[in-house]
Amino acid sequence: MRAVVQRVREASVTVEGRITGAIGHGLLVLLGVEADDAKDDAALMAKKVMGLRCFNDEEGKFNLSLVDAGGSVLAVSQFTLLGDCRKGRRPSFARAAQPETAIPLYKAFVAALREGGVTVETGEFGAHMDVQLVNDGPVTLLIDTKKVF
């Protein structure tokens, strides 16, 4: 499972003119599910996102987690994060999970965040989404459950 995590002042997702999710202060999480991912990856990713110390304390240092800072999450599925661009000019998405695998794992990630007490808004899986954000910092981080952390 791979995520691009952006600290935001606000973020929203619109599908066909309607807002499906919007948050204020928190994290926009663009989430890609790999074909060999399992529920453990979803739980690990949620734990990492909740505990990631990427919010400033009173001294301006990255010492506060999402939970400490009272932030929310906007979770957006994005299979293109798994695009392999090493050969040719067209990305290969062979590593991306098919919807029958990806949807339950995306939902497990969202559920794990909610179980951890985080307010979560979402995009719409498989839809063409317009994502708007005001990046705070900017702070943008990459997390991959296949890499040891």
C-alpha atoms as a PDB file:
ATOM      1  CA  MET A   1       0.000   0.000   0.000  1.00  0.00           C
ATOM      2  CA  ARG A   2       1.369   3.367  -0.957  1.00  0.00           C
ATOM      3  CA  ALA A   3       0.263   6.817   0.177  1.00  0.00           C
ATOM      4  CA  VAL A   4       1.053  10.414  -0.564  1.00  0.00           C
ATOM      5  CA  VAL A   5       0.231  12.335   2.595  1.00  0.00           C
ATOM      6  CA  GLN A   6      -0.182  16.092   2.468  1.00  0.00           C
ATOM      7  CA  ARG A   7      -0.674  18.299   5.485  1.00  0.00           C
ATOM      8  CA  VAL A   8      -3.501  20.663   4.585  1.00  0.00           C
ATOM      9  CA  ARG A   9      -5.344  23.682   5.889  1.00  0.00           C
ATOM     10  CA  GLU A  10      -8.350  22.414   3.927  1.00  0.00           C
ATOM     11  CA  ALA A  11      -9.125  19.871   1.218  1.00  0.00           C
ATOM     12  CA  SER A  12     -12.144  18.633  -0.699  1.00  0.00           C
ATOM     13  CA  VAL A  13     -13.183  16.136  -3.351  1.00  0.00           C
ATOM     14  CA  THR A  14     -15.872  16.809  -5.935  1.00  0.00           C
ATOM     15  CA  VAL A  15     -17.480  14.195  -8.189  1.00  0.00           C
ATOM     16  CA  GLU A  16     -19.798  15.377 -10.965  1.00  0.00           C
ATOM     17  CA  GLY A  17     -20.320  18.743  -9.283  1.00  0.00           C
ATOM     18  CA  ARG A  18     -21.089  17.421  -5.782  1.00  0.00           C
ATOM     19  CA  ILE A  19     -18.699  17.468  -2.851  1.00  0.00           C
ATOM     20  CA  THR A  20     -18.174  13.914  -1.571  1.00  0.00           C
ATOM     21  CA  GLY A  21     -15.760  14.859   1.186  1.00  0.00           C
ATOM     22  CA  ALA A  22     -14.223  17.958   2.721  1.00  0.00           C
ATOM     23  CA  ILE A  23     -11.992  18.675   5.710  1.00  0.00           C
ATOM     24  CA  GLY A  24     -10.336  21.612   7.365  1.00  0.00           C
ATOM     25  CA  HIS A  25      -7.015  21.189   9.171  1.00  0.00           C
ATOM     26  CA  GLY A  26      -5.549  17.696   8.732  1.00  0.00           C
ATOM     27  CA  LEU A  27      -4.157  15.302   6.146  1.00  0.00           C
ATOM     28  CA  LEU A  28      -5.092  14.567   2.560  1.00  0.00           C
ATOM     29  CA  VAL A  29      -4.166  10.927   1.978  1.00  0.00           C
ATOM     30  CA  LEU A  30      -3.946   9.731  -1.629  1.00  0.00           C
ATOM     31  CA  LEU A  31      -3.978   5.938  -1.266  1.00  0.00           C
ATOM     32  CA  GLY A  32      -2.891   3.306  -3.770  1.00  0.00           C
ATOM     33  CA  VAL A  33      -3.607  -0.370  -3.092  1.00  0.00           C
ATOM     34  CA  GLU A  34      -1.237  -2.984  -4.545  1.00  0.00           C
ATOM     35  CA  ALA A  35      -2.376  -6.361  -5.852  1.00  0.00           C
ATOM     36  CA  ASP A  36      -0.626  -8.232  -3.007  1.00  0.00           C
ATOM     37  CA  ASP A  37      -1.814  -5.994  -0.181  1.00  0.00           C
ATOM     38  CA  ALA A  38      -3.793  -7.430   2.734  1.00  0.00           C
ATOM     39  CA  LYS A  39      -5.746  -6.142   5.749  1.00  0.00           C
ATOM     40  CA  ASP A  40      -2.479  -5.912   7.664  1.00  0.00           C
ATOM     41  CA  ASP A  41      -1.288  -3.290   5.170  1.00  0.00           C
ATOM     42  CA  ALA A  42      -4.445  -1.228   5.699  1.00  0.00           C
ATOM     43  CA  ALA A  43      -4.056  -1.390   9.489  1.00  0.00           C
ATOM     44  CA  LEU A  44      -0.344  -0.545   9.286  1.00  0.00           C
ATOM     45  CA  MET A  45      -0.977   2.398   6.985  1.00  0.00           C
ATOM     46  CA  ALA A  46      -3.730   3.754   9.234  1.00  0.00           C
ATOM     47  CA  LYS A  47      -1.520   3.431  12.307  1.00  0.00           C
ATOM     48  CA  LYS A  48       1.315   5.224  10.531  1.00  0.00           C
ATOM     49  CA  VAL A  49      -0.937   8.048   9.296  1.00  0.00           C
ATOM     50  CA  MET A  50      -2.470   8.572  12.753  1.00  0.00           C
ATOM     51  CA  GLY A  51       0.895   8.607  14.500  1.00  0.00           C
ATOM     52  CA  LEU A  52       2.945  10.504  11.934  1.00  0.00           C
ATOM     53  CA  ARG A  53       4.444  13.497  13.711  1.00  0.00           C
ATOM     54  CA  CYS A  54       4.130  16.077  10.950  1.00  0.00           C
ATOM     55  CA  PHE A  55       2.329  18.884  12.797  1.00  0.00           C
ATOM     56  CA  ASN A  56       4.138  21.695  14.550  1.00  0.00           C
ATOM     57  CA  ASP A  57       4.269  22.072  18.294  1.00  0.00           C
ATOM     58  CA  GLU A  58       4.446  25.475  20.023  1.00  0.00           C
ATOM     59  CA  GLU A  59       8.149  25.706  19.080  1.00  0.00           C
ATOM     60  CA  GLY A  60       7.446  25.031  15.406  1.00  0.00           C
ATOM     61  CA  LYS A  61       8.934  21.507  15.453  1.00  0.00           C
ATOM     62  CA  PHE A  62       7.335  18.378  13.962  1.00  0.00           C
ATOM     63  CA  ASN A  63       6.325  16.855  17.285  1.00  0.00           C
ATOM     64  CA  LEU A  64       2.555  16.488  16.999  1.00  0.00           C
ATOM     65  CA  SER A  65       0.641  13.674  15.331  1.00  0.00           C
ATOM     66  CA  LEU A  66      -2.667  13.999  13.513  1.00  0.00           C
ATOM     67  CA  VAL A  67      -4.411  12.867  16.694  1.00  0.00           C
ATOM     68  CA  ASP A  68      -2.424  15.309  18.876  1.00  0.00           C
ATOM     69  CA  ALA A  69      -3.234  18.183  16.507  1.00  0.00           C
ATOM     70  CA  GLY A  70      -6.946  17.290  16.321  1.00  0.00           C
ATOM     71  CA  GLY A  71      -6.870  16.996  12.538  1.00  0.00           C
ATOM     72  CA  SER A  72      -9.090  15.112  10.114  1.00  0.00           C
ATOM     73  CA  VAL A  73      -8.289  12.941   7.088  1.00  0.00           C
ATOM     74  CA  LEU A  74      -9.574  13.163   3.541  1.00  0.00           C
ATOM     75  CA  ALA A  75      -8.863   9.702   2.064  1.00  0.00           C
ATOM     76  CA  VAL A  76      -8.819   9.472  -1.731  1.00  0.00           C
ATOM     77  CA  SER A  77      -8.209   6.237  -3.630  1.00  0.00           C
ATOM     78  CA  GLN A  78      -5.586   6.694  -6.342  1.00  0.00           C
ATOM     79  CA  PHE A  79      -4.367   3.651  -8.234  1.00  0.00           C
ATOM     80  CA  THR A  80      -2.024   5.820 -10.321  1.00  0.00           C
ATOM     81  CA  LEU A  81       0.347   5.984  -7.336  1.00  0.00           C
ATOM     82  CA  LEU A  82       1.353   2.472  -8.361  1.00  0.00           C
ATOM     83  CA  GLY A  83       2.204   3.452 -11.924  1.00  0.00           C
ATOM     84  CA  ASP A  84       5.563   2.107 -13.067  1.00  0.00           C
ATOM     85  CA  CYS A  85       7.220   4.623 -15.389  1.00  0.00           C
ATOM     86  CA  ARG A  86      10.580   2.893 -15.832  1.00  0.00           C
ATOM     87  CA  LYS A  87       9.919   1.621 -19.364  1.00  0.00           C
ATOM     88  CA  GLY A  88       8.600   3.615 -22.270  1.00  0.00           C
ATOM     89  CA  ARG A  89       6.388   6.640 -21.865  1.00  0.00           C
ATOM     90  CA  ARG A  90       3.117   5.066 -20.759  1.00  0.00           C
ATOM     91  CA  PRO A  91       2.884   4.014 -17.102  1.00  0.00           C
ATOM     92  CA  SER A  92       2.134   0.387 -16.323  1.00  0.00           C
ATOM     93  CA  PHE A  93      -0.426  -0.223 -13.606  1.00  0.00           C
ATOM     94  CA  ALA A  94       0.184  -3.976 -13.346  1.00  0.00           C
ATOM     95  CA  ARG A  95       0.955  -3.693  -9.600  1.00  0.00           C
ATOM     96  CA  ALA A  96      -2.325  -1.926  -8.791  1.00  0.00           C
ATOM     97  CA  ALA A  97      -5.032  -4.045  -7.183  1.00  0.00           C
ATOM     98  CA  GLN A  98      -8.230  -4.781  -9.050  1.00  0.00           C
ATOM     99  CA  PRO A  99     -11.374  -3.186  -7.546  1.00  0.00           C
ATOM    100  CA  GLU A 100     -12.520  -6.435  -5.888  1.00  0.00           C
ATOM    101  CA  THR A 101      -9.308  -6.338  -3.819  1.00  0.00           C
ATOM    102  CA  ALA A 102      -8.744  -2.594  -3.592  1.00  0.00           C
ATOM    103  CA  ILE A 103     -12.193  -1.485  -2.414  1.00  0.00           C
ATOM    104  CA  PRO A 104     -12.304  -3.642   0.750  1.00  0.00           C
ATOM    105  CA  LEU A 105      -8.734  -2.618   1.656  1.00  0.00           C
ATOM    106  CA  TYR A 106      -9.440   1.073   1.051  1.00  0.00           C
ATOM    107  CA  LYS A 107     -12.526   0.716   3.278  1.00  0.00           C
ATOM    108  CA  ALA A 108     -10.454  -1.138   5.904  1.00  0.00           C
ATOM    109  CA  PHE A 109      -7.959   1.752   5.944  1.00  0.00           C
ATOM    110  CA  VAL A 110     -10.780   4.265   6.441  1.00  0.00           C
ATOM    111  CA  ALA A 111     -12.396   2.095   9.142  1.00  0.00           C
ATOM    112  CA  ALA A 112      -9.101   1.737  11.024  1.00  0.00           C
ATOM    113  CA  LEU A 113      -8.675   5.523  11.071  1.00  0.00           C
ATOM    114  CA  ARG A 114     -12.222   5.971  12.360  1.00  0.00           C
ATOM    115  CA  GLU A 115     -11.668   3.294  15.020  1.00  0.00           C
ATOM    116  CA  GLY A 116      -8.644   5.329  16.097  1.00  0.00           C
ATOM    117  CA  GLY A 117     -10.916   8.312  16.712  1.00  0.00           C
ATOM    118  CA  VAL A 118     -10.070  10.238  13.546  1.00  0.00           C
ATOM    119  CA  THR A 119     -12.747  12.062  11.563  1.00  0.00           C
ATOM    120  CA  VAL A 120     -12.483  10.801   7.978  1.00  0.00           C
ATOM    121  CA  GLU A 121     -14.051  12.069   4.783  1.00  0.00           C
ATOM    122  CA  THR A 122     -13.618  10.229   1.487  1.00  0.00           C
ATOM    123  CA  GLY A 123     -13.628  10.536  -2.232  1.00  0.00           C
ATOM    124  CA  GLU A 124     -15.567   8.086  -4.394  1.00  0.00           C
ATOM    125  CA  PHE A 125     -13.694   4.945  -5.399  1.00  0.00           C
ATOM    126  CA  GLY A 126     -13.296   4.605  -9.179  1.00  0.00           C
ATOM    127  CA  ALA A 127     -14.841   7.982  -9.970  1.00  0.00           C
ATOM    128  CA  HIS A 128     -13.195  10.866 -11.793  1.00  0.00           C
ATOM    129  CA  MET A 129     -12.530  13.187  -8.865  1.00  0.00           C
ATOM    130  CA  ASP A 130     -11.549  16.829  -8.647  1.00  0.00           C
ATOM    131  CA  VAL A 131      -9.351  17.257  -5.585  1.00  0.00           C
ATOM    132  CA  GLN A 132      -8.702  20.705  -4.151  1.00  0.00           C
ATOM    133  CA  LEU A 133      -6.355  21.475  -1.322  1.00  0.00           C
ATOM    134  CA  VAL A 134      -4.467  24.182   0.452  1.00  0.00           C
ATOM    135  CA  ASN A 135      -1.178  22.511   1.340  1.00  0.00           C
ATOM    136  CA  ASP A 136       0.080  23.611   4.754  1.00  0.00           C
ATOM    137  CA  GLY A 137       3.815  24.163   4.693  1.00  0.00           C
ATOM    138  CA  PRO A 138       3.956  22.654   2.143  1.00  0.00           C
ATOM    139  CA  VAL A 139       4.373  19.285   3.823  1.00  0.00           C
ATOM    140  CA  THR A 140       4.151  16.217   1.579  1.00  0.00           C
ATOM    141  CA  LEU A 141       5.312  12.751   2.643  1.00  0.00           C
ATOM    142  CA  LEU A 142       5.405   9.293   1.048  1.00  0.00           C
ATOM    143  CA  ILE A 143       4.539   6.107   2.937  1.00  0.00           C
ATOM    144  CA  ASP A 144       4.843   2.575   1.563  1.00  0.00           C
ATOM    145  CA  THR A 145       3.924  -0.476   3.644  1.00  0.00           C
ATOM    146  CA  LYS A 146       6.301  -2.611   1.567  1.00  0.00           C
ATOM    147  CA  LYS A 147       9.234  -0.625   2.911  1.00  0.00           C
ATOM    148  CA  VAL A 148      10.312  -1.350   6.445  1.00  0.00           C
ATOM    149  CA  PHE A 149       9.356   1.297   8.983  1.00  0.00           C
END
